[in-house]
Amino acid sequence: MDEPALQRAVEINRERRTVRHAEAAHVGAAYLVECRDLWDADDADAGVYFVPCVGVAEVTALALEFSDDNPNDRLLGVYRVSEPVAGQGAGLSRAAWLAGAR
């Protein structure tokens, strides 16, 4: 993916993150997890997708599934649905989540 396409994907996903965050709140999720499927890395959104999670156990299961041994899927960030998404930067990293940050 060239630089302009990558920048466009970042913009697309910034917008999508805001929408998905609101949708997660609407369905009662506590967290929104941003993930990336590298098999779809050439798509306009660079393979990014979002998973609403109702609790800590769901997020932890995703974090463990997307281990360093998994070359195709990455956990990009965990966002608290109870807080504005814009103030959470890149979200909590997989390492921070597994270390107990919530």
Protein backbone atom coordinates (compact mmCIF):
# COMPACT_ATOMS: atom_id res chain seq x y z
CA MET A 1 0.00 0.00 0.00
CA ASP A 2 1.55 3.29 -1.06
CA GLU A 3 1.73 6.36 1.20
CA PRO A 4 -1.35 8.21 -0.19
CA ALA A 5 -3.43 5.04 0.07
CA LEU A 6 -2.21 4.45 3.62
CA GLN A 7 -3.07 8.03 4.62
CA ARG A 8 -6.54 7.60 3.11
CA ALA A 9 -7.00 4.35 5.06
CA VAL A 10 -6.07 6.17 8.27
CA GLU A 11 -8.71 8.82 7.52
CA ILE A 12 -11.33 6.21 6.63
CA ASN A 13 -10.70 4.30 9.83
CA ARG A 14 -10.74 7.43 12.00
CA GLU A 15 -14.26 8.07 10.73
CA ARG A 16 -15.27 4.42 11.02
CA ARG A 17 -13.90 4.24 14.59
CA THR A 18 -16.19 7.10 15.66
CA VAL A 19 -19.23 5.46 14.07
CA ARG A 20 -18.41 1.99 15.45
CA HIS A 21 -17.80 3.47 18.91
CA ALA A 22 -21.31 4.98 18.89
CA GLU A 23 -22.78 1.69 17.62
CA ALA A 24 -20.98 -0.21 20.38
CA ALA A 25 -22.49 2.15 22.98
CA HIS A 26 -25.93 1.62 21.45
CA VAL A 27 -25.71 -2.18 21.85
CA GLY A 28 -24.40 -1.97 25.42
CA ALA A 29 -20.77 -2.89 24.80
CA ALA A 30 -18.16 -1.73 27.31
CA TYR A 31 -15.23 -1.84 24.87
CA LEU A 32 -14.54 -1.46 21.17
CA VAL A 33 -11.56 -3.37 19.83
CA GLU A 34 -9.89 -2.23 16.62
CA CYS A 35 -8.28 -5.10 14.70
CA ARG A 36 -6.52 -5.60 11.40
CA ASP A 37 -6.67 -8.57 9.06
CA LEU A 38 -3.46 -8.42 7.05
CA TRP A 39 -4.97 -10.62 4.33
CA ASP A 40 -7.16 -7.60 3.55
CA ALA A 41 -4.38 -5.03 3.93
CA ASP A 42 -4.80 -3.83 0.34
CA ASP A 43 -8.45 -2.85 0.87
CA ALA A 44 -9.31 0.85 1.13
CA ASP A 45 -9.57 0.45 4.93
CA ALA A 46 -6.26 -1.49 5.12
CA GLY A 47 -8.05 -4.53 6.55
CA VAL A 48 -9.19 -2.76 9.71
CA TYR A 49 -12.34 -3.97 11.44
CA PHE A 50 -14.01 -3.35 14.80
CA VAL A 51 -15.36 -5.73 17.44
CA PRO A 52 -17.69 -4.50 20.20
CA CYS A 53 -17.13 -6.38 23.47
CA VAL A 54 -19.46 -6.46 26.47
CA GLY A 55 -16.73 -7.07 29.02
CA VAL A 56 -13.14 -7.69 30.00
CA ALA A 57 -13.25 -11.43 29.25
CA GLU A 58 -14.18 -10.85 25.60
CA VAL A 59 -11.39 -8.33 25.08
CA THR A 60 -8.87 -10.60 26.78
CA ALA A 61 -9.92 -13.51 24.56
CA LEU A 62 -9.30 -11.37 21.46
CA ALA A 63 -5.96 -10.17 22.83
CA LEU A 64 -4.86 -13.76 23.40
CA GLU A 65 -6.14 -14.88 19.99
CA PHE A 66 -4.18 -12.11 18.28
CA SER A 67 -0.86 -13.19 19.71
CA ASP A 68 2.51 -12.52 18.17
CA ASP A 69 2.28 -16.05 16.77
CA ASN A 70 -0.67 -15.02 14.60
CA PRO A 71 0.85 -13.41 11.50
CA ASN A 72 -2.45 -12.39 9.91
CA ASP A 73 -4.47 -10.63 12.61
CA ARG A 74 -3.44 -7.76 14.84
CA LEU A 75 -5.13 -6.01 17.75
CA LEU A 76 -4.57 -2.30 17.10
CA GLY A 77 -6.34 -0.72 20.05
CA VAL A 78 -8.93 -1.12 22.79
CA TYR A 79 -11.31 1.77 23.42
CA ARG A 80 -13.58 2.32 26.42
CA VAL A 81 -17.11 2.92 25.19
CA SER A 82 -17.93 4.95 28.33
CA GLU A 83 -15.43 7.65 27.27
CA PRO A 84 -15.28 9.76 24.11
CA VAL A 85 -13.26 7.92 21.49
CA ALA A 86 -11.46 11.09 20.40
CA GLY A 87 -9.76 11.46 23.78
CA GLN A 88 -8.39 7.91 23.78
CA GLY A 89 -5.73 8.36 21.12
CA ALA A 90 -4.71 5.03 19.61
CA GLY A 91 -6.51 3.13 22.37
CA LEU A 92 -4.91 0.65 24.72
CA SER A 93 -2.36 -1.63 23.08
CA ARG A 94 -2.57 -5.40 23.32
CA ALA A 95 0.41 -5.38 25.70
CA ALA A 96 -1.14 -2.71 27.92
CA TRP A 97 -4.43 -4.60 28.04
CA LEU A 98 -2.74 -7.88 28.98
CA ALA A 99 -0.71 -6.03 31.63
CA GLY A 100 -3.98 -5.01 33.30
CA ALA A 101 -4.69 -1.53 31.95
CA ARG A 102 -8.41 -1.02 31.64
